[in-house]
C-alpha atoms as a PDB file:
ATOM      1  CA  MET A   1     -23.582 -19.519   6.293  1.00  0.00           C
ATOM      2  CA  THR A   2     -23.598 -20.062  10.045  1.00  0.00           C
ATOM      3  CA  LYS A   3     -25.145 -17.742  12.567  1.00  0.00           C
ATOM      4  CA  ALA A   4     -21.694 -16.747  13.793  1.00  0.00           C
ATOM      5  CA  ALA A   5     -20.570 -15.914  10.289  1.00  0.00           C
ATOM      6  CA  SER A   6     -23.713 -13.934   9.474  1.00  0.00           C
ATOM      7  CA  LYS A   7     -23.275 -11.697  12.516  1.00  0.00           C
ATOM      8  CA  GLY A   8     -19.508 -11.560  12.675  1.00  0.00           C
ATOM      9  CA  TYR A   9     -16.507 -11.912  10.465  1.00  0.00           C
ATOM     10  CA  LEU A  10     -15.708 -14.738   8.117  1.00  0.00           C
ATOM     11  CA  CYS A  11     -12.451 -15.141  10.027  1.00  0.00           C
ATOM     12  CA  ASP A  12     -14.467 -16.558  12.945  1.00  0.00           C
ATOM     13  CA  LEU A  13     -14.685 -19.781  10.912  1.00  0.00           C
ATOM     14  CA  TYR A  14     -10.962 -19.982  10.133  1.00  0.00           C
ATOM     15  CA  LYS A  15      -7.684 -20.414  11.915  1.00  0.00           C
ATOM     16  CA  GLN A  16      -5.526 -17.320  12.241  1.00  0.00           C
ATOM     17  CA  LEU A  17      -3.992 -16.487   8.878  1.00  0.00           C
ATOM     18  CA  THR A  18      -0.962 -14.444   9.889  1.00  0.00           C
ATOM     19  CA  HIS A  19       1.003 -13.681  13.030  1.00  0.00           C
ATOM     20  CA  GLY A  20      -1.936 -11.798  14.525  1.00  0.00           C
ATOM     21  CA  GLY A  21      -0.445  -8.318  14.852  1.00  0.00           C
ATOM     22  CA  ASN A  22      -2.898  -5.494  14.419  1.00  0.00           C
ATOM     23  CA  TYR A  23      -1.211  -4.411  11.208  1.00  0.00           C
ATOM     24  CA  TRP A  24      -2.570  -7.341   9.178  1.00  0.00           C
ATOM     25  CA  ARG A  25      -6.336  -7.609   9.482  1.00  0.00           C
ATOM     26  CA  ASP A  26      -7.178 -11.214   8.699  1.00  0.00           C
ATOM     27  CA  GLN A  27     -10.934 -10.722   8.798  1.00  0.00           C
ATOM     28  CA  TYR A  28     -10.667  -7.834   6.349  1.00  0.00           C
ATOM     29  CA  LEU A  29      -8.680  -9.943   3.911  1.00  0.00           C
ATOM     30  CA  LEU A  30     -11.049 -12.919   3.998  1.00  0.00           C
ATOM     31  CA  GLU A  31     -14.088 -10.731   3.403  1.00  0.00           C
ATOM     32  CA  CYS A  32     -12.425  -9.098   0.387  1.00  0.00           C
ATOM     33  CA  TRP A  33     -11.606 -12.472  -1.171  1.00  0.00           C
ATOM     34  CA  ASP A  34     -15.028 -13.881  -0.374  1.00  0.00           C
ATOM     35  CA  GLN A  35     -16.818 -10.948  -2.009  1.00  0.00           C
ATOM     36  CA  CYS A  36     -14.464 -10.951  -5.023  1.00  0.00           C
ATOM     37  CA  VAL A  37     -13.190  -7.504  -4.121  1.00  0.00           C
ATOM     38  CA  GLN A  38      -9.593  -8.706  -4.426  1.00  0.00           C
ATOM     39  CA  PRO A  39      -8.018 -11.436  -6.577  1.00  0.00           C
ATOM     40  CA  VAL A  40      -6.562 -14.662  -5.232  1.00  0.00           C
ATOM     41  CA  VAL A  41      -2.881 -14.662  -6.187  1.00  0.00           C
ATOM     42  CA  TYR A  42       0.060 -16.722  -4.990  1.00  0.00           C
ATOM     43  CA  ARG A  43       3.771 -16.265  -4.500  1.00  0.00           C
ATOM     44  CA  ASN A  44       5.852 -17.257  -7.552  1.00  0.00           C
ATOM     45  CA  ASN A  45       2.896 -16.883  -9.914  1.00  0.00           C
ATOM     46  CA  CYS A  46       3.443 -14.596 -12.909  1.00  0.00           C
ATOM     47  CA  TYR A  47       1.054 -11.877 -13.984  1.00  0.00           C
ATOM     48  CA  HIS A  48       1.687  -9.600 -16.957  1.00  0.00           C
ATOM     49  CA  GLY A  49       5.201 -11.039 -17.124  1.00  0.00           C
ATOM     50  CA  LEU A  50       5.908 -10.133 -13.490  1.00  0.00           C
ATOM     51  CA  LYS A  51       6.676 -12.843 -10.949  1.00  0.00           C
ATOM     52  CA  LEU A  52       5.330 -12.265  -7.447  1.00  0.00           C
ATOM     53  CA  LEU A  53       8.364 -12.681  -5.187  1.00  0.00           C
ATOM     54  CA  ARG A  54       7.211 -11.586  -1.735  1.00  0.00           C
ATOM     55  CA  ARG A  55       4.065 -10.126  -0.287  1.00  0.00           C
ATOM     56  CA  LEU A  56       4.646  -6.619   1.045  1.00  0.00           C
ATOM     57  CA  GLY A  57       1.193  -5.557   2.173  1.00  0.00           C
ATOM     58  CA  ASP A  58      -2.475  -6.451   2.046  1.00  0.00           C
ATOM     59  CA  TRP A  59      -2.533  -6.357  -1.746  1.00  0.00           C
ATOM     60  CA  CYS A  60       1.036  -5.424  -2.701  1.00  0.00           C
ATOM     61  CA  TRP A  61       3.794  -7.734  -3.922  1.00  0.00           C
ATOM     62  CA  LEU A  62       7.488  -7.342  -4.591  1.00  0.00           C
ATOM     63  CA  THR A  63       8.454  -8.211  -8.139  1.00  0.00           C
ATOM     64  CA  GLN A  64      11.329  -7.610 -10.510  1.00  0.00           C
ATOM     65  CA  ASP A  65      11.377  -5.871 -13.862  1.00  0.00           C
ATOM     66  CA  PRO A  66      12.426  -8.566 -16.370  1.00  0.00           C
ATOM     67  CA  LYS A  67      14.074  -5.869 -18.489  1.00  0.00           C
ATOM     68  CA  THR A  68      16.561  -4.850 -15.788  1.00  0.00           C
ATOM     69  CA  LYS A  69      17.640  -8.091 -14.140  1.00  0.00           C
ATOM     70  CA  TYR A  70      21.295  -9.033 -13.910  1.00  0.00           C
ATOM     71  CA  GLY A  71      22.647  -9.660 -17.367  1.00  0.00           C
ATOM     72  CA  SER A  72      20.722  -6.667 -18.687  1.00  0.00           C
ATOM     73  CA  PRO A  73      22.272  -3.330 -19.736  1.00  0.00           C
ATOM     74  CA  LEU A  74      22.370  -2.348 -16.054  1.00  0.00           C
ATOM     75  CA  ALA A  75      24.767  -5.186 -15.285  1.00  0.00           C
ATOM     76  CA  SER A  76      26.906  -4.420 -18.318  1.00  0.00           C
ATOM     77  CA  LEU A  77      27.823  -0.952 -17.103  1.00  0.00           C
ATOM     78  CA  SER A  78      31.496  -0.369 -16.415  1.00  0.00           C
ATOM     79  CA  ARG A  79      32.669  -0.769 -12.847  1.00  0.00           C
ATOM     80  CA  SER A  80      33.470   2.920 -12.537  1.00  0.00           C
ATOM     81  CA  ARG A  81      30.044   3.877 -13.815  1.00  0.00           C
ATOM     82  CA  SER A  82      28.320   1.389 -11.520  1.00  0.00           C
ATOM     83  CA  ALA A  83      30.141   2.848  -8.550  1.00  0.00           C
ATOM     84  CA  GLN A  84      28.528   6.200  -9.263  1.00  0.00           C
ATOM     85  CA  LEU A  85      25.006   4.836  -9.042  1.00  0.00           C
ATOM     86  CA  THR A  86      23.168   5.437  -5.804  1.00  0.00           C
ATOM     87  CA  SER A  87      21.579   2.653  -3.800  1.00  0.00           C
ATOM     88  CA  SER A  88      18.117   3.738  -4.890  1.00  0.00           C
ATOM     89  CA  LEU A  89      19.134   3.569  -8.534  1.00  0.00           C
ATOM     90  CA  LEU A  90      20.612   0.121  -8.030  1.00  0.00           C
ATOM     91  CA  ALA A  91      17.271  -1.035  -6.692  1.00  0.00           C
ATOM     92  CA  ARG A  92      15.260   0.219  -9.646  1.00  0.00           C
ATOM     93  CA  ASP A  93      14.804  -3.246 -11.068  1.00  0.00           C
ATOM     94  CA  TYR A  94      12.602  -4.062  -8.073  1.00  0.00           C
ATOM     95  CA  LEU A  95       8.994  -3.085  -8.552  1.00  0.00           C
ATOM     96  CA  THR A  96       5.769  -3.366  -6.605  1.00  0.00           C
ATOM     97  CA  VAL A  97       2.535  -4.779  -7.986  1.00  0.00           C
ATOM     98  CA  LYS A  98      -0.571  -3.482  -6.253  1.00  0.00           C
ATOM     99  CA  PHE A  99      -3.861  -5.236  -6.955  1.00  0.00           C
ATOM    100  CA  LEU A 100      -6.669  -2.703  -6.774  1.00  0.00           C
ATOM    101  CA  SER A 101      -9.997  -3.383  -5.117  1.00  0.00           C
ATOM    102  CA  ARG A 102     -12.689  -4.188  -7.660  1.00  0.00           C
ATOM    103  CA  GLY A 103     -15.247  -1.444  -8.014  1.00  0.00           C
ATOM    104  CA  GLN A 104     -12.814   1.279  -6.944  1.00  0.00           C
ATOM    105  CA  GLU A 105     -11.566   2.497 -10.295  1.00  0.00           C
ATOM    106  CA  ASN A 106     -10.599   5.880  -8.875  1.00  0.00           C
ATOM    107  CA  ASP A 107      -7.181   4.593  -7.790  1.00  0.00           C
ATOM    108  CA  LEU A 108      -6.309   3.574 -11.342  1.00  0.00           C
ATOM    109  CA  GLN A 109      -7.721   6.706 -12.970  1.00  0.00           C
ATOM    110  CA  MET A 110      -5.904   8.984 -10.541  1.00  0.00           C
ATOM    111  CA  SER A 111      -2.679   7.007 -11.013  1.00  0.00           C
ATOM    112  CA  ILE A 112      -2.971   7.585 -14.758  1.00  0.00           C
ATOM    113  CA  PHE A 113      -3.571  11.302 -14.176  1.00  0.00           C
ATOM    114  CA  LEU A 114      -0.547  11.594 -11.886  1.00  0.00           C
ATOM    115  CA  LYS A 115       1.644   9.730 -14.341  1.00  0.00           C
ATOM    116  CA  GLN A 116       0.763  12.351 -16.941  1.00  0.00           C
ATOM    117  CA  ASN A 117       0.806  15.454 -14.753  1.00  0.00           C
ATOM    118  CA  CYS A 118       2.974  14.957 -11.659  1.00  0.00           C
ATOM    119  CA  ARG A 119       6.760  15.184 -11.839  1.00  0.00           C
ATOM    120  CA  SER A 120       7.515  15.238  -8.129  1.00  0.00           C
ATOM    121  CA  PRO A 121      10.027  12.589  -6.976  1.00  0.00           C
ATOM    122  CA  LEU A 122       8.134  12.489  -3.676  1.00  0.00           C
ATOM    123  CA  VAL A 123       4.900  11.226  -5.234  1.00  0.00           C
ATOM    124  CA  SER A 124       4.781   7.604  -6.344  1.00  0.00           C
ATOM    125  CA  THR A 125       3.835   7.340 -10.002  1.00  0.00           C
ATOM    126  CA  MET A 126       2.659   4.330 -11.930  1.00  0.00           C
ATOM    127  CA  ARG A 127       5.044   2.497 -14.257  1.00  0.00           C
ATOM    128  CA  ASP A 128       2.468   0.201 -15.823  1.00  0.00           C
ATOM    129  CA  CYS A 129      -0.989  -1.280 -15.322  1.00  0.00           C
ATOM    130  CA  PHE A 130      -2.781  -4.458 -16.336  1.00  0.00           C
ATOM    131  CA  THR A 131      -5.919  -6.503 -15.733  1.00  0.00           C
ATOM    132  CA  ILE A 132      -6.292 -10.131 -14.652  1.00  0.00           C
ATOM    133  CA  PRO A 133      -9.378 -12.395 -14.556  1.00  0.00           C
ATOM    134  CA  HIS A 134     -10.773 -14.134 -11.492  1.00  0.00           C
ATOM    135  CA  HIS A 135      -8.780 -17.299 -10.816  1.00  0.00           C
ATOM    136  CA  LEU A 136     -11.947 -19.403 -11.307  1.00  0.00           C
ATOM    137  CA  ALA A 137     -13.096 -17.646 -14.476  1.00  0.00           C
ATOM    138  CA  ARG A 138     -12.300 -20.672 -16.645  1.00  0.00           C
ATOM    139  CA  THR A 139     -13.993 -23.210 -14.403  1.00  0.00           C
ATOM    140  CA  GLY A 140     -17.102 -21.464 -13.154  1.00  0.00           C
ATOM    141  CA  SER A 141     -19.584 -19.291 -15.009  1.00  0.00           C
ATOM    142  CA  LYS A 142     -20.276 -17.430 -11.771  1.00  0.00           C
ATOM    143  CA  TYR A 143     -16.837 -15.837 -11.980  1.00  0.00           C
ATOM    144  CA  GLN A 144     -16.653 -15.158 -15.701  1.00  0.00           C
ATOM    145  CA  GLY A 145     -16.369 -11.479 -16.469  1.00  0.00           C
ATOM    146  CA  ILE A 146     -14.890 -10.662 -13.054  1.00  0.00           C
ATOM    147  CA  THR A 147     -11.592  -8.850 -13.528  1.00  0.00           C
ATOM    148  CA  PHE A 148      -9.120  -7.032 -11.313  1.00  0.00           C
ATOM    149  CA  ASP A 149      -6.899  -4.064 -12.134  1.00  0.00           C
ATOM    150  CA  ALA A 150      -3.308  -3.810 -10.973  1.00  0.00           C
ATOM    151  CA  ILE A 151      -0.743  -1.035 -11.078  1.00  0.00           C
ATOM    152  CA  VAL A 152       3.040  -1.308 -11.061  1.00  0.00           C
ATOM    153  CA  TYR A 153       5.367   1.220  -9.460  1.00  0.00           C
ATOM    154  CA  ALA A 154       8.912   1.457  -8.149  1.00  0.00           C
ATOM    155  CA  THR A 155       9.352  -0.426  -4.890  1.00  0.00           C
ATOM    156  CA  THR A 156       9.423   1.710  -1.772  1.00  0.00           C
ATOM    157  CA  GLY A 157      10.576   1.068   1.769  1.00  0.00           C
ATOM    158  CA  THR A 158       8.450   0.202   4.787  1.00  0.00           C
ATOM    159  CA  ASP A 159       5.628   2.656   5.445  1.00  0.00           C
ATOM    160  CA  LEU A 160       5.598   5.000   8.432  1.00  0.00           C
ATOM    161  CA  ARG A 161       2.647   3.226  10.045  1.00  0.00           C
ATOM    162  CA  ARG A 162       4.253  -0.183  10.125  1.00  0.00           C
ATOM    163  CA  LYS A 163       7.570   1.191  11.321  1.00  0.00           C
ATOM    164  CA  SER A 164       5.801   2.740  14.310  1.00  0.00           C
ATOM    165  CA  SER A 165       3.628  -0.228  15.318  1.00  0.00           C
ATOM    166  CA  ILE A 166       4.396  -1.814  18.674  1.00  0.00           C
ATOM    167  CA  CYS A 167       2.637  -4.976  17.472  1.00  0.00           C
ATOM    168  CA  GLU A 168       5.093  -5.628  14.654  1.00  0.00           C
ATOM    169  CA  GLN A 169       8.429  -7.377  15.011  1.00  0.00           C
ATOM    170  CA  LEU A 170      10.464  -5.393  12.530  1.00  0.00           C
ATOM    171  CA  LYS A 171      14.043  -5.960  11.589  1.00  0.00           C
ATOM    172  CA  ALA A 172      16.625  -3.378  12.546  1.00  0.00           C
ATOM    173  CA  SER A 173      17.657  -0.918   9.881  1.00  0.00           C
ATOM    174  CA  ALA A 174      21.145   0.294   9.101  1.00  0.00           C
ATOM    175  CA  VAL A 175      19.602   3.743   8.715  1.00  0.00           C
ATOM    176  CA  PRO A 176      18.420   5.025  12.127  1.00  0.00           C
ATOM    177  CA  LEU A 177      15.255   7.107  12.325  1.00  0.00           C
ATOM    178  CA  SER A 178      16.963   9.995  14.066  1.00  0.00           C
ATOM    179  CA  MET A 179      15.119  13.197  14.858  1.00  0.00           C
ATOM    180  CA  ASP A 180      17.013  14.988  12.086  1.00  0.00           C
ATOM    181  CA  ARG A 181      15.917  12.333   9.622  1.00  0.00           C
ATOM    182  CA  ARG A 182      12.331  12.572  10.808  1.00  0.00           C
ATOM    183  CA  ARG A 183      12.408  16.345  10.364  1.00  0.00           C
ATOM    184  CA  ARG A 184      13.607  15.865   6.806  1.00  0.00           C
ATOM    185  CA  TYR A 185      10.834  13.364   6.160  1.00  0.00           C
ATOM    186  CA  ILE A 186       8.271  15.813   7.554  1.00  0.00           C
ATOM    187  CA  GLN A 187       9.529  18.473   5.157  1.00  0.00           C
ATOM    188  CA  GLN A 188       9.149  15.995   2.319  1.00  0.00           C
ATOM    189  CA  ILE A 189       5.646  15.041   3.453  1.00  0.00           C
ATOM    190  CA  VAL A 190       4.596  18.691   3.275  1.00  0.00           C
ATOM    191  CA  GLN A 191       6.290  19.090  -0.090  1.00  0.00           C
ATOM    192  CA  ALA A 192       4.606  15.974  -1.518  1.00  0.00           C
ATOM    193  CA  VAL A 193       1.137  17.145  -0.479  1.00  0.00           C
ATOM    194  CA  SER A 194       1.932  20.610  -1.829  1.00  0.00           C
ATOM    195  CA  GLU A 195       2.851  19.097  -5.196  1.00  0.00           C
ATOM    196  CA  LEU A 196      -0.520  17.357  -5.366  1.00  0.00           C
ATOM    197  CA  HIS A 197      -2.360  20.539  -4.459  1.00  0.00           C
ATOM    198  CA  ARG A 198      -0.403  22.451  -7.085  1.00  0.00           C
ATOM    199  CA  ILE A 199      -1.873  20.264  -9.834  1.00  0.00           C
ATOM    200  CA  GLY A 200      -5.346  20.433  -8.320  1.00  0.00           C
ATOM    201  CA  VAL A 201      -5.476  17.104  -6.470  1.00  0.00           C
ATOM    202  CA  VAL A 202      -6.631  16.430  -2.906  1.00  0.00           C
ATOM    203  CA  HIS A 203      -5.122  13.179  -1.612  1.00  0.00           C
ATOM    204  CA  GLY A 204      -8.060  12.483   0.681  1.00  0.00           C
ATOM    205  CA  ASP A 205      -6.378   9.800   2.800  1.00  0.00           C
ATOM    206  CA  LEU A 206      -3.350  11.222   4.580  1.00  0.00           C
ATOM    207  CA  HIS A 207      -2.025   8.967   7.327  1.00  0.00           C
ATOM    208  CA  PRO A 208       1.305   7.252   8.121  1.00  0.00           C
ATOM    209  CA  ARG A 209       0.465   4.121   6.158  1.00  0.00           C
ATOM    210  CA  ASN A 210       0.369   6.115   2.926  1.00  0.00           C
ATOM    211  CA  PHE A 211       3.868   7.520   3.282  1.00  0.00           C
ATOM    212  CA  THR A 212       6.696   5.110   2.692  1.00  0.00           C
ATOM    213  CA  LEU A 213      10.319   5.338   3.711  1.00  0.00           C
ATOM    214  CA  PRO A 214      13.105   5.258   1.082  1.00  0.00           C
ATOM    215  CA  PRO A 215      13.570   1.930  -0.726  1.00  0.00           C
ATOM    216  CA  PRO A 216      16.119  -0.580   0.579  1.00  0.00           C
ATOM    217  CA  THR A 217      19.222  -1.370  -1.414  1.00  0.00           C
ATOM    218  CA  ARG A 218      19.417  -4.219  -3.876  1.00  0.00           C
ATOM    219  CA  LYS A 219      21.523  -6.131  -1.353  1.00  0.00           C
ATOM    220  CA  ASP A 220      18.819  -5.760   1.279  1.00  0.00           C
ATOM    221  CA  ASN A 221      16.168  -7.032  -1.128  1.00  0.00           C
ATOM    222  CA  GLU A 222      18.319 -10.003  -2.054  1.00  0.00           C
ATOM    223  CA  HIS A 223      18.772 -10.791   1.641  1.00  0.00           C
ATOM    224  CA  VAL A 224      14.977 -10.887   2.049  1.00  0.00           C
ATOM    225  CA  LEU A 225      14.561 -13.114  -0.995  1.00  0.00           C
ATOM    226  CA  ALA A 226      17.241 -15.520   0.222  1.00  0.00           C
ATOM    227  CA  LYS A 227      15.092 -16.537   3.194  1.00  0.00           C
ATOM    228  CA  PRO A 228      11.961 -18.670   2.837  1.00  0.00           C
ATOM    229  CA  PRO A 229       8.803 -16.654   3.530  1.00  0.00           C
ATOM    230  CA  LEU A 230       6.271 -17.457   6.203  1.00  0.00           C
ATOM    231  CA  GLU A 231       3.191 -19.000   4.634  1.00  0.00           C
ATOM    232  CA  TYR A 232       0.000 -20.322   6.168  1.00  0.00           C
ATOM    233  CA  ASP A 233      -2.682 -22.681   4.943  1.00  0.00           C
ATOM    234  CA  VAL A 234      -6.192 -21.241   5.032  1.00  0.00           C
ATOM    235  CA  VAL A 235      -7.917 -23.784   7.288  1.00  0.00           C
ATOM    236  CA  ARG A 236     -11.480 -23.876   8.583  1.00  0.00           C
ATOM    237  CA  LEU A 237     -11.959 -24.524  12.287  1.00  0.00           C
ATOM    238  CA  ASP A 238     -14.642 -27.141  11.622  1.00  0.00           C
ATOM    239  CA  GLY A 239     -12.376 -29.201   9.372  1.00  0.00           C
ATOM    240  CA  GLU A 240     -14.433 -28.591   6.239  1.00  0.00           C
ATOM    241  CA  PRO A 241     -12.490 -27.851   3.028  1.00  0.00           C
ATOM    242  CA  THR A 242     -11.711 -24.240   2.207  1.00  0.00           C
ATOM    243  CA  PRO A 243     -13.920 -23.076  -0.697  1.00  0.00           C
ATOM    244  CA  ALA A 244     -12.137 -22.783  -4.030  1.00  0.00           C
ATOM    245  CA  HIS A 245     -12.926 -19.085  -4.389  1.00  0.00           C
ATOM    246  CA  LEU A 246     -10.814 -18.352  -1.302  1.00  0.00           C
ATOM    247  CA  PRO A 247      -7.019 -18.712  -1.262  1.00  0.00           C
ATOM    248  CA  GLN A 248      -5.766 -22.068  -0.063  1.00  0.00           C
ATOM    249  CA  ARG A 249      -2.700 -20.479   1.496  1.00  0.00           C
ATOM    250  CA  VAL A 250      -1.447 -16.978   2.225  1.00  0.00           C
ATOM    251  CA  SER A 251       2.002 -15.440   2.506  1.00  0.00           C
ATOM    252  CA  GLU A 252       2.975 -13.330   5.490  1.00  0.00           C
ATOM    253  CA  PRO A 253       3.512  -9.699   4.422  1.00  0.00           C
ATOM    254  CA  GLU A 254       7.195  -8.961   4.912  1.00  0.00           C
ATOM    255  CA  ASP A 255       9.119  -5.981   6.167  1.00  0.00           C
ATOM    256  CA  ILE A 256      11.785  -5.265   3.551  1.00  0.00           C
ATOM    257  CA  GLY A 257      13.128  -2.382   5.598  1.00  0.00           C
ATOM    258  CA  PHE A 258      14.235   0.913   4.138  1.00  0.00           C
ATOM    259  CA  GLY A 259      17.319   2.736   2.972  1.00  0.00           C
ATOM    260  CA  ASP A 260      18.635   6.247   2.585  1.00  0.00           C
ATOM    261  CA  GLY A 261      16.837   8.706   0.341  1.00  0.00           C
ATOM    262  CA  ASP A 262      13.421  10.304  -0.007  1.00  0.00           C
ATOM    263  CA  ILE A 263       9.966   9.284   1.154  1.00  0.00           C
ATOM    264  CA  LYS A 264       7.068   8.601  -1.202  1.00  0.00           C
ATOM    265  CA  LEU A 265       3.389   9.495  -1.020  1.00  0.00           C
ATOM    266  CA  ILE A 266       1.305   6.514  -2.163  1.00  0.00           C
ATOM    267  CA  ASP A 267      -2.291   5.227  -2.459  1.00  0.00           C
ATOM    268  CA  PHE A 268      -4.640   7.480  -4.399  1.00  0.00           C
ATOM    269  CA  GLY A 269      -7.870   5.565  -3.956  1.00  0.00           C
ATOM    270  CA  TYR A 270      -9.537   8.543  -2.244  1.00  0.00           C
ATOM    271  CA  ALA A 271      -7.821  11.289  -4.231  1.00  0.00           C
ATOM    272  CA  PHE A 272     -10.028  13.716  -6.125  1.00  0.00           C
ATOM    273  CA  ARG A 273      -9.854  16.904  -8.168  1.00  0.00           C
ATOM    274  CA  PRO A 274     -12.176  19.425  -6.518  1.00  0.00           C
ATOM    275  CA  ILE A 275     -14.475  21.635  -8.550  1.00  0.00           C
ATOM    276  CA  ASP A 276     -14.317  25.332  -7.648  1.00  0.00           C
ATOM    277  CA  GLY A 277     -17.273  26.362  -5.535  1.00  0.00           C
ATOM    278  CA  GLU A 278     -18.526  22.828  -4.908  1.00  0.00           C
ATOM    279  CA  ALA A 279     -19.086  21.851  -1.281  1.00  0.00           C
ATOM    280  CA  TYR A 280     -17.542  18.643   0.086  1.00  0.00           C
ATOM    281  CA  SER A 281     -18.496  16.730   3.223  1.00  0.00           C
ATOM    282  CA  ARG A 282     -16.199  14.614   5.346  1.00  0.00           C
ATOM    283  CA  ASP A 283     -17.283  11.624   3.261  1.00  0.00           C
ATOM    284  CA  ALA A 284     -14.964  12.933   0.542  1.00  0.00           C
ATOM    285  CA  PHE A 285     -12.087  11.961   2.824  1.00  0.00           C
ATOM    286  CA  ALA A 286     -11.247   8.494   4.092  1.00  0.00           C
ATOM    287  CA  ARG A 287     -12.432   7.520   7.539  1.00  0.00           C
ATOM    288  CA  GLY A 288     -10.083   6.583  10.341  1.00  0.00           C
ATOM    289  CA  THR A 289      -8.581  10.006  11.028  1.00  0.00           C
ATOM    290  CA  PRO A 290     -10.425  12.736  12.980  1.00  0.00           C
ATOM    291  CA  SER A 291     -12.132  15.230  10.679  1.00  0.00           C
ATOM    292  CA  PRO A 292     -11.330  18.974  10.667  1.00  0.00           C
ATOM    293  CA  PRO A 293     -13.598  21.234  12.760  1.00  0.00           C
ATOM    294  CA  GLU A 294     -15.411  22.619   9.713  1.00  0.00           C
ATOM    295  CA  LEU A 295     -16.591  19.101   8.810  1.00  0.00           C
ATOM    296  CA  LEU A 296     -17.696  17.966  12.269  1.00  0.00           C
ATOM    297  CA  GLY A 297     -21.416  17.465  12.739  1.00  0.00           C
ATOM    298  CA  THR A 298     -24.252  16.269  10.545  1.00  0.00           C
ATOM    299  CA  GLY A 299     -24.496  17.851   7.127  1.00  0.00           C
ATOM    300  CA  ARG A 300     -21.392  20.021   7.456  1.00  0.00           C
ATOM    301  CA  LYS A 301     -19.561  20.803   4.205  1.00  0.00           C
ATOM    302  CA  THR A 302     -16.712  22.960   2.984  1.00  0.00           C
ATOM    303  CA  THR A 303     -15.859  24.619  -0.308  1.00  0.00           C
ATOM    304  CA  LYS A 304     -12.187  24.574   0.665  1.00  0.00           C
ATOM    305  CA  PRO A 305     -11.097  20.911   0.541  1.00  0.00           C
ATOM    306  CA  PHE A 306      -7.417  21.836   0.186  1.00  0.00           C
ATOM    307  CA  LYS A 307      -7.610  23.727   3.474  1.00  0.00           C
ATOM    308  CA  ALA A 308      -9.475  20.818   5.056  1.00  0.00           C
ATOM    309  CA  GLU A 309      -6.694  18.469   4.013  1.00  0.00           C
ATOM    310  CA  SER A 310      -4.187  20.642   5.879  1.00  0.00           C
ATOM    311  CA  TRP A 311      -5.892  19.419   9.076  1.00  0.00           C
ATOM    312  CA  TYR A 312      -5.114  15.820   8.182  1.00  0.00           C
ATOM    313  CA  LEU A 313      -1.599  16.873   7.212  1.00  0.00           C
ATOM    314  CA  GLY A 314      -1.098  18.450  10.635  1.00  0.00           C
ATOM    315  CA  GLN A 315      -2.091  15.234  12.398  1.00  0.00           C
ATOM    316  CA  LEU A 316       0.266  13.271  10.178  1.00  0.00           C
ATOM    317  CA  ILE A 317       3.148  15.618  10.983  1.00  0.00           C
ATOM    318  CA  PHE A 318       2.504  15.300  14.707  1.00  0.00           C
ATOM    319  CA  ARG A 319       2.491  11.520  14.536  1.00  0.00           C
ATOM    320  CA  SER A 320       5.614  11.472  12.374  1.00  0.00           C
ATOM    321  CA  ARG A 321       7.588  13.217  15.101  1.00  0.00           C
ATOM    322  CA  GLY A 322       6.852  10.720  17.845  1.00  0.00           C
ATOM    323  CA  TRP A 323       4.542   8.063  16.409  1.00  0.00           C
ATOM    324  CA  LEU A 324       1.710   9.058  18.760  1.00  0.00           C
ATOM    325  CA  ALA A 325      -1.895   9.967  18.101  1.00  0.00           C
ATOM    326  CA  TYR A 326      -2.758  13.615  18.725  1.00  0.00           C
ATOM    327  CA  PHE A 327      -6.160  12.627  20.088  1.00  0.00           C
ATOM    328  CA  PRO A 328      -5.654   9.957  22.822  1.00  0.00           C
ATOM    329  CA  ALA A 329      -9.224   8.677  22.550  1.00  0.00           C
ATOM    330  CA  THR A 330      -8.918   8.093  18.834  1.00  0.00           C
ATOM    331  CA  SER A 331      -8.736   4.529  17.601  1.00  0.00           C
ATOM    332  CA  TRP A 332      -6.270   4.722  14.742  1.00  0.00           C
ATOM    333  CA  VAL A 333      -7.378   2.049  12.332  1.00  0.00           C
ATOM    334  CA  TYR A 334      -4.715   2.797   9.749  1.00  0.00           C
END
């Protein structure tokens, strides 16, 4: 490892992977692959019977349920019956595969809990889960025994964070984000968090990136799939070959847009079920969003984590109205 790499990011040794907007953090991705935190997967590869069609986020991919493709019972419905289906229902055959970071089993365990206990349509629930080995497990003993969990859920629309970024070139949507629509989304955000609290769960990571807009229609998804994706070779600046444990190419995460319908609360990697009377510090919540007053300072704790989360909810609501940070000096990393 070079001196530059030891003191900086691995990305200092490589050409830019994506378009360079602040939404996609190339250095973060390379470090996760290098440390075997995330699996190396490629577009058009199949895992657990699911073909990866397009990359949607850092670790999320658009796929299609093989049981509901055209030619399935969905396509055999009568024309009159099909006309009654909403756009969101028509898009149900599109799913999202999210590869979970190794060593962070909480996301999977909480997803299983929510699948069993949460019935809110505003909270994303897992359809399926599976495990895959490291892509070099068969060729190198160093990687044997390394596995990665993945969850499958219904595809959502673009998240609130990406839709608000000035560094992203996003396609126009047929559904405008009017103030009335934003107010409705804010109501749904509050309702989604309330549903979690009702079953004793603190989300722990409320920010615009973890709320997604309604899913696009099937036609919109097909339009995305009809165009070739942007892909980049992973190339070292010094001309040396890219190590086999890193991906040899990456796909640009795509904006699939959004449609009409309800938002979804996603990502439960920091979610927890508080124990009555137990004190929680700000470390129980994800970093990147200013902490509530009762958790500011060294050693501060609270026995009311649900109340503490209302502080994060308030910041999220404020940003959802105008896409601005409440605290100007804050560096919003999410």
